[in-house]
Amino acid sequence: MYQGVKVSPFFDSLLVKVSAHAPTLEGAAQKMARTLDEFRIRGVQTNIQFLQNIIANPSL
């Protein structure tokens, strides 16, 4: 991808894959939460809010 690219409705829905690593699950969840908070994707719908809800789940 490059800045200004127009994403067609027929484009593969996997625009980005993100992973987080830390010595503990809690640390990895904190890193992932920060990453999702800082993500900026415009022009297409994403599931970022859904992923944030999963990471914030207290049963984690």
PDB file of N, CA and C in Angstrom:
ATOM      1  N   MET A   1       0.828  -1.176   0.000  1.00  0.00           N
ATOM      2  CA  MET A   1       0.000   0.000   0.000  1.00  0.00           C
ATOM      3  C   MET A   1       0.881   1.251   0.000  1.00  0.00           C
ATOM      4  N   TYR A   2       0.301   2.317  -0.449  1.00  0.00           N
ATOM      5  CA  TYR A   2       0.989   3.601  -0.440  1.00  0.00           C
ATOM      6  C   TYR A   2      -0.024   4.691  -0.125  1.00  0.00           C
ATOM      7  N   GLN A   3       0.459   5.830   0.328  1.00  0.00           N
ATOM      8  CA  GLN A   3      -0.423   6.912   0.721  1.00  0.00           C
ATOM      9  C   GLN A   3      -1.284   7.352  -0.450  1.00  0.00           C
ATOM     10  N   GLY A   4      -2.581   7.541  -0.196  1.00  0.00           N
ATOM     11  CA  GLY A   4      -3.502   8.019  -1.214  1.00  0.00           C
ATOM     12  C   GLY A   4      -4.121   6.923  -2.062  1.00  0.00           C
ATOM     13  N   VAL A   5      -3.779   5.672  -1.815  1.00  0.00           N
ATOM     14  CA  VAL A   5      -4.329   4.579  -2.617  1.00  0.00           C
ATOM     15  C   VAL A   5      -5.844   4.504  -2.414  1.00  0.00           C
ATOM     16  N   LYS A   6      -6.580   4.231  -3.456  1.00  0.00           N
ATOM     17  CA  LYS A   6      -8.026   4.045  -3.396  1.00  0.00           C
ATOM     18  C   LYS A   6      -8.302   2.553  -3.275  1.00  0.00           C
ATOM     19  N   VAL A   7      -9.030   2.159  -2.220  1.00  0.00           N
ATOM     20  CA  VAL A   7      -9.321   0.751  -1.984  1.00  0.00           C
ATOM     21  C   VAL A   7     -10.687   0.424  -2.576  1.00  0.00           C
ATOM     22  N   SER A   8     -10.697  -0.482  -3.526  1.00  0.00           N
ATOM     23  CA  SER A   8     -11.932  -0.906  -4.183  1.00  0.00           C
ATOM     24  C   SER A   8     -12.737  -1.799  -3.239  1.00  0.00           C
ATOM     25  N   PRO A   9     -14.073  -1.851  -3.400  1.00  0.00           N
ATOM     26  CA  PRO A   9     -14.879  -2.762  -2.571  1.00  0.00           C
ATOM     27  C   PRO A   9     -14.533  -4.228  -2.807  1.00  0.00           C
ATOM     28  N   PHE A  10     -13.822  -4.518  -3.877  1.00  0.00           N
ATOM     29  CA  PHE A  10     -13.458  -5.895  -4.210  1.00  0.00           C
ATOM     30  C   PHE A  10     -12.067  -6.262  -3.699  1.00  0.00           C
ATOM     31  N   PHE A  11     -11.441  -5.349  -2.975  1.00  0.00           N
ATOM     32  CA  PHE A  11     -10.101  -5.573  -2.442  1.00  0.00           C
ATOM     33  C   PHE A  11     -10.163  -6.593  -1.313  1.00  0.00           C
ATOM     34  N   ASP A  12      -9.115  -7.368  -1.153  1.00  0.00           N
ATOM     35  CA  ASP A  12      -9.023  -8.328  -0.058  1.00  0.00           C
ATOM     36  C   ASP A  12      -9.252  -7.610   1.265  1.00  0.00           C
ATOM     37  N   SER A  13     -10.102  -8.146   2.114  1.00  0.00           N
ATOM     38  CA  SER A  13     -10.449  -7.480   3.369  1.00  0.00           C
ATOM     39  C   SER A  13      -9.299  -7.449   4.373  1.00  0.00           C
ATOM     40  N   LEU A  14      -8.264  -8.227   4.170  1.00  0.00           N
ATOM     41  CA  LEU A  14      -7.119  -8.203   5.072  1.00  0.00           C
ATOM     42  C   LEU A  14      -6.146  -7.129   4.604  1.00  0.00           C
ATOM     43  N   LEU A  15      -6.357  -5.906   5.102  1.00  0.00           N
ATOM     44  CA  LEU A  15      -5.485  -4.799   4.728  1.00  0.00           C
ATOM     45  C   LEU A  15      -4.195  -4.821   5.531  1.00  0.00           C
ATOM     46  N   VAL A  16      -4.303  -5.195   6.800  1.00  0.00           N
ATOM     47  CA  VAL A  16      -3.163  -5.145   7.709  1.00  0.00           C
ATOM     48  C   VAL A  16      -3.260  -6.308   8.680  1.00  0.00           C
ATOM     49  N   LYS A  17      -2.126  -6.859   9.041  1.00  0.00           N
ATOM     50  CA  LYS A  17      -2.075  -7.873  10.078  1.00  0.00           C
ATOM     51  C   LYS A  17      -1.149  -7.345  11.166  1.00  0.00           C
ATOM     52  N   VAL A  18      -1.599  -7.387  12.400  1.00  0.00           N
ATOM     53  CA  VAL A  18      -0.827  -6.847  13.512  1.00  0.00           C
ATOM     54  C   VAL A  18      -0.670  -7.934  14.564  1.00  0.00           C
ATOM     55  N   SER A  19       0.512  -8.018  15.148  1.00  0.00           N
ATOM     56  CA  SER A  19       0.721  -8.920  16.275  1.00  0.00           C
ATOM     57  C   SER A  19       1.495  -8.170  17.346  1.00  0.00           C
ATOM     58  N   ALA A  20       1.355  -8.617  18.575  1.00  0.00           N
ATOM     59  CA  ALA A  20       2.058  -7.997  19.704  1.00  0.00           C
ATOM     60  C   ALA A  20       2.726  -9.097  20.507  1.00  0.00           C
ATOM     61  N   HIS A  21       3.910  -8.813  21.009  1.00  0.00           N
ATOM     62  CA  HIS A  21       4.666  -9.791  21.786  1.00  0.00           C
ATOM     63  C   HIS A  21       5.187  -9.141  23.061  1.00  0.00           C
ATOM     64  N   ALA A  22       5.101  -9.857  24.151  1.00  0.00           N
ATOM     65  CA  ALA A  22       5.631  -9.404  25.439  1.00  0.00           C
ATOM     66  C   ALA A  22       5.848 -10.641  26.305  1.00  0.00           C
ATOM     67  N   PRO A  23       6.582 -10.508  27.386  1.00  0.00           N
ATOM     68  CA  PRO A  23       6.812 -11.659  28.269  1.00  0.00           C
ATOM     69  C   PRO A  23       5.537 -12.228  28.897  1.00  0.00           C
ATOM     70  N   THR A  24       4.496 -11.384  29.049  1.00  0.00           N
ATOM     71  CA  THR A  24       3.240 -11.858  29.626  1.00  0.00           C
ATOM     72  C   THR A  24       2.084 -11.559  28.690  1.00  0.00           C
ATOM     73  N   LEU A  25       0.993 -12.273  28.894  1.00  0.00           N
ATOM     74  CA  LEU A  25      -0.216 -12.029  28.101  1.00  0.00           C
ATOM     75  C   LEU A  25      -0.736 -10.618  28.359  1.00  0.00           C
ATOM     76  N   GLU A  26      -0.688 -10.193  29.622  1.00  0.00           N
ATOM     77  CA  GLU A  26      -1.147  -8.838  29.955  1.00  0.00           C
ATOM     78  C   GLU A  26      -0.319  -7.775  29.226  1.00  0.00           C
ATOM     79  N   GLY A  27       0.989  -7.970  29.181  1.00  0.00           N
ATOM     80  CA  GLY A  27       1.860  -7.024  28.485  1.00  0.00           C
ATOM     81  C   GLY A  27       1.571  -6.984  26.997  1.00  0.00           C
ATOM     82  N   ALA A  28       1.356  -8.152  26.398  1.00  0.00           N
ATOM     83  CA  ALA A  28       1.034  -8.206  24.970  1.00  0.00           C
ATOM     84  C   ALA A  28      -0.307  -7.538  24.705  1.00  0.00           C
ATOM     85  N   ALA A  29      -1.276  -7.739  25.606  1.00  0.00           N
ATOM     86  CA  ALA A  29      -2.597  -7.113  25.441  1.00  0.00           C
ATOM     87  C   ALA A  29      -2.478  -5.594  25.540  1.00  0.00           C
ATOM     88  N   GLN A  30      -1.637  -5.105  26.446  1.00  0.00           N
ATOM     89  CA  GLN A  30      -1.433  -3.660  26.569  1.00  0.00           C
ATOM     90  C   GLN A  30      -0.804  -3.085  25.300  1.00  0.00           C
ATOM     91  N   LYS A  31       0.178  -3.780  24.756  1.00  0.00           N
ATOM     92  CA  LYS A  31       0.804  -3.324  23.510  1.00  0.00           C
ATOM     93  C   LYS A  31      -0.207  -3.312  22.364  1.00  0.00           C
ATOM     94  N   MET A  32      -1.021  -4.371  22.290  1.00  0.00           N
ATOM     95  CA  MET A  32      -2.017  -4.443  21.215  1.00  0.00           C
ATOM     96  C   MET A  32      -3.061  -3.352  21.376  1.00  0.00           C
ATOM     97  N   ALA A  33      -3.478  -3.086  22.610  1.00  0.00           N
ATOM     98  CA  ALA A  33      -4.467  -2.027  22.846  1.00  0.00           C
ATOM     99  C   ALA A  33      -3.922  -0.680  22.375  1.00  0.00           C
ATOM    100  N   ARG A  34      -2.672  -0.408  22.684  1.00  0.00           N
ATOM    101  CA  ARG A  34      -2.083   0.865  22.246  1.00  0.00           C
ATOM    102  C   ARG A  34      -1.994   0.927  20.718  1.00  0.00           C
ATOM    103  N   THR A  35      -1.590  -0.168  20.122  1.00  0.00           N
ATOM    104  CA  THR A  35      -1.493  -0.217  18.658  1.00  0.00           C
ATOM    105  C   THR A  35      -2.849   0.051  18.018  1.00  0.00           C
ATOM    106  N   LEU A  36      -3.887  -0.599  18.515  1.00  0.00           N
ATOM    107  CA  LEU A  36      -5.223  -0.399  17.953  1.00  0.00           C
ATOM    108  C   LEU A  36      -5.715   1.028  18.173  1.00  0.00           C
ATOM    109  N   ASP A  37      -5.378   1.615  19.333  1.00  0.00           N
ATOM    110  CA  ASP A  37      -5.765   3.007  19.594  1.00  0.00           C
ATOM    111  C   ASP A  37      -5.115   3.965  18.609  1.00  0.00           C
ATOM    112  N   GLU A  38      -3.904   3.646  18.166  1.00  0.00           N
ATOM    113  CA  GLU A  38      -3.156   4.550  17.289  1.00  0.00           C
ATOM    114  C   GLU A  38      -3.382   4.296  15.796  1.00  0.00           C
ATOM    115  N   PHE A  39      -4.098   3.227  15.467  1.00  0.00           N
ATOM    116  CA  PHE A  39      -4.350   2.907  14.060  1.00  0.00           C
ATOM    117  C   PHE A  39      -5.212   3.976  13.412  1.00  0.00           C
ATOM    118  N   ARG A  40      -4.889   4.354  12.209  1.00  0.00           N
ATOM    119  CA  ARG A  40      -5.695   5.301  11.442  1.00  0.00           C
ATOM    120  C   ARG A  40      -5.885   4.730  10.038  1.00  0.00           C
ATOM    121  N   ILE A  41      -7.092   4.271   9.775  1.00  0.00           N
ATOM    122  CA  ILE A  41      -7.445   3.763   8.450  1.00  0.00           C
ATOM    123  C   ILE A  41      -8.694   4.512   8.024  1.00  0.00           C
ATOM    124  N   ARG A  42      -8.644   5.138   6.885  1.00  0.00           N
ATOM    125  CA  ARG A  42      -9.781   5.926   6.398  1.00  0.00           C
ATOM    126  C   ARG A  42     -10.306   5.340   5.096  1.00  0.00           C
ATOM    127  N   GLY A  43     -11.592   5.505   4.894  1.00  0.00           N
ATOM    128  CA  GLY A  43     -12.178   5.141   3.613  1.00  0.00           C
ATOM    129  C   GLY A  43     -12.780   3.756   3.537  1.00  0.00           C
ATOM    130  N   VAL A  44     -12.442   2.886   4.470  1.00  0.00           N
ATOM    131  CA  VAL A  44     -13.028   1.545   4.492  1.00  0.00           C
ATOM    132  C   VAL A  44     -13.406   1.216   5.931  1.00  0.00           C
ATOM    133  N   GLN A  45     -14.400   0.370   6.090  1.00  0.00           N
ATOM    134  CA  GLN A  45     -14.797  -0.062   7.426  1.00  0.00           C
ATOM    135  C   GLN A  45     -13.769  -1.051   7.954  1.00  0.00           C
ATOM    136  N   THR A  46     -13.552  -1.010   9.263  1.00  0.00           N
ATOM    137  CA  THR A  46     -12.619  -1.940   9.903  1.00  0.00           C
ATOM    138  C   THR A  46     -13.308  -2.597  11.090  1.00  0.00           C
ATOM    139  N   ASN A  47     -12.647  -3.572  11.676  1.00  0.00           N
ATOM    140  CA  ASN A  47     -13.150  -4.217  12.888  1.00  0.00           C
ATOM    141  C   ASN A  47     -12.311  -3.813  14.106  1.00  0.00           C
ATOM    142  N   ILE A  48     -11.696  -2.638  14.056  1.00  0.00           N
ATOM    143  CA  ILE A  48     -10.820  -2.195  15.145  1.00  0.00           C
ATOM    144  C   ILE A  48     -11.597  -2.098  16.457  1.00  0.00           C
ATOM    145  N   GLN A  49     -12.790  -1.551  16.447  1.00  0.00           N
ATOM    146  CA  GLN A  49     -13.557  -1.422  17.686  1.00  0.00           C
ATOM    147  C   GLN A  49     -13.852  -2.800  18.281  1.00  0.00           C
ATOM    148  N   PHE A  50     -14.186  -3.763  17.442  1.00  0.00           N
ATOM    149  CA  PHE A  50     -14.426  -5.142  17.894  1.00  0.00           C
ATOM    150  C   PHE A  50     -13.162  -5.703  18.552  1.00  0.00           C
ATOM    151  N   LEU A  51     -12.015  -5.500  17.918  1.00  0.00           N
ATOM    152  CA  LEU A  51     -10.756  -5.993  18.472  1.00  0.00           C
ATOM    153  C   LEU A  51     -10.412  -5.300  19.787  1.00  0.00           C
ATOM    154  N   GLN A  52     -10.682  -3.999  19.889  1.00  0.00           N
ATOM    155  CA  GLN A  52     -10.450  -3.273  21.144  1.00  0.00           C
ATOM    156  C   GLN A  52     -11.311  -3.844  22.267  1.00  0.00           C
ATOM    157  N   ASN A  53     -12.557  -4.204  21.953  1.00  0.00           N
ATOM    158  CA  ASN A  53     -13.439  -4.797  22.955  1.00  0.00           C
ATOM    159  C   ASN A  53     -12.911  -6.146  23.431  1.00  0.00           C
ATOM    160  N   ILE A  54     -12.347  -6.930  22.526  1.00  0.00           N
ATOM    161  CA  ILE A  54     -11.772  -8.219  22.908  1.00  0.00           C
ATOM    162  C   ILE A  54     -10.578  -8.008  23.839  1.00  0.00           C
ATOM    163  N   ILE A  55      -9.678  -7.103  23.460  1.00  0.00           N
ATOM    164  CA  ILE A  55      -8.476  -6.844  24.258  1.00  0.00           C
ATOM    165  C   ILE A  55      -8.853  -6.295  25.642  1.00  0.00           C
ATOM    166  N   ALA A  56      -9.912  -5.488  25.727  1.00  0.00           N
ATOM    167  CA  ALA A  56     -10.318  -4.868  26.991  1.00  0.00           C
ATOM    168  C   ALA A  56     -11.141  -5.809  27.875  1.00  0.00           C
ATOM    169  N   ASN A  57     -11.491  -6.960  27.376  1.00  0.00           N
ATOM    170  CA  ASN A  57     -12.313  -7.903  28.156  1.00  0.00           C
ATOM    171  C   ASN A  57     -11.580  -8.316  29.422  1.00  0.00           C
ATOM    172  N   PRO A  58     -12.195  -8.143  30.598  1.00  0.00           N
ATOM    173  CA  PRO A  58     -11.497  -8.446  31.847  1.00  0.00           C
ATOM    174  C   PRO A  58     -11.192  -9.941  32.044  1.00  0.00           C
ATOM    175  N   SER A  59     -11.818 -10.809  31.291  1.00  0.00           N
ATOM    176  CA  SER A  59     -11.541 -12.250  31.449  1.00  0.00           C
ATOM    177  C   SER A  59     -10.239 -12.656  30.768  1.00  0.00           C
ATOM    178  N   LEU A  60      -9.576 -11.719  30.108  1.00  0.00           N
ATOM    179  CA  LEU A  60      -8.327 -12.006  29.395  1.00  0.00           C
ATOM    180  C   LEU A  60      -7.253 -12.494  30.309  1.00  0.00           C
TER     181      LEU A  60
END
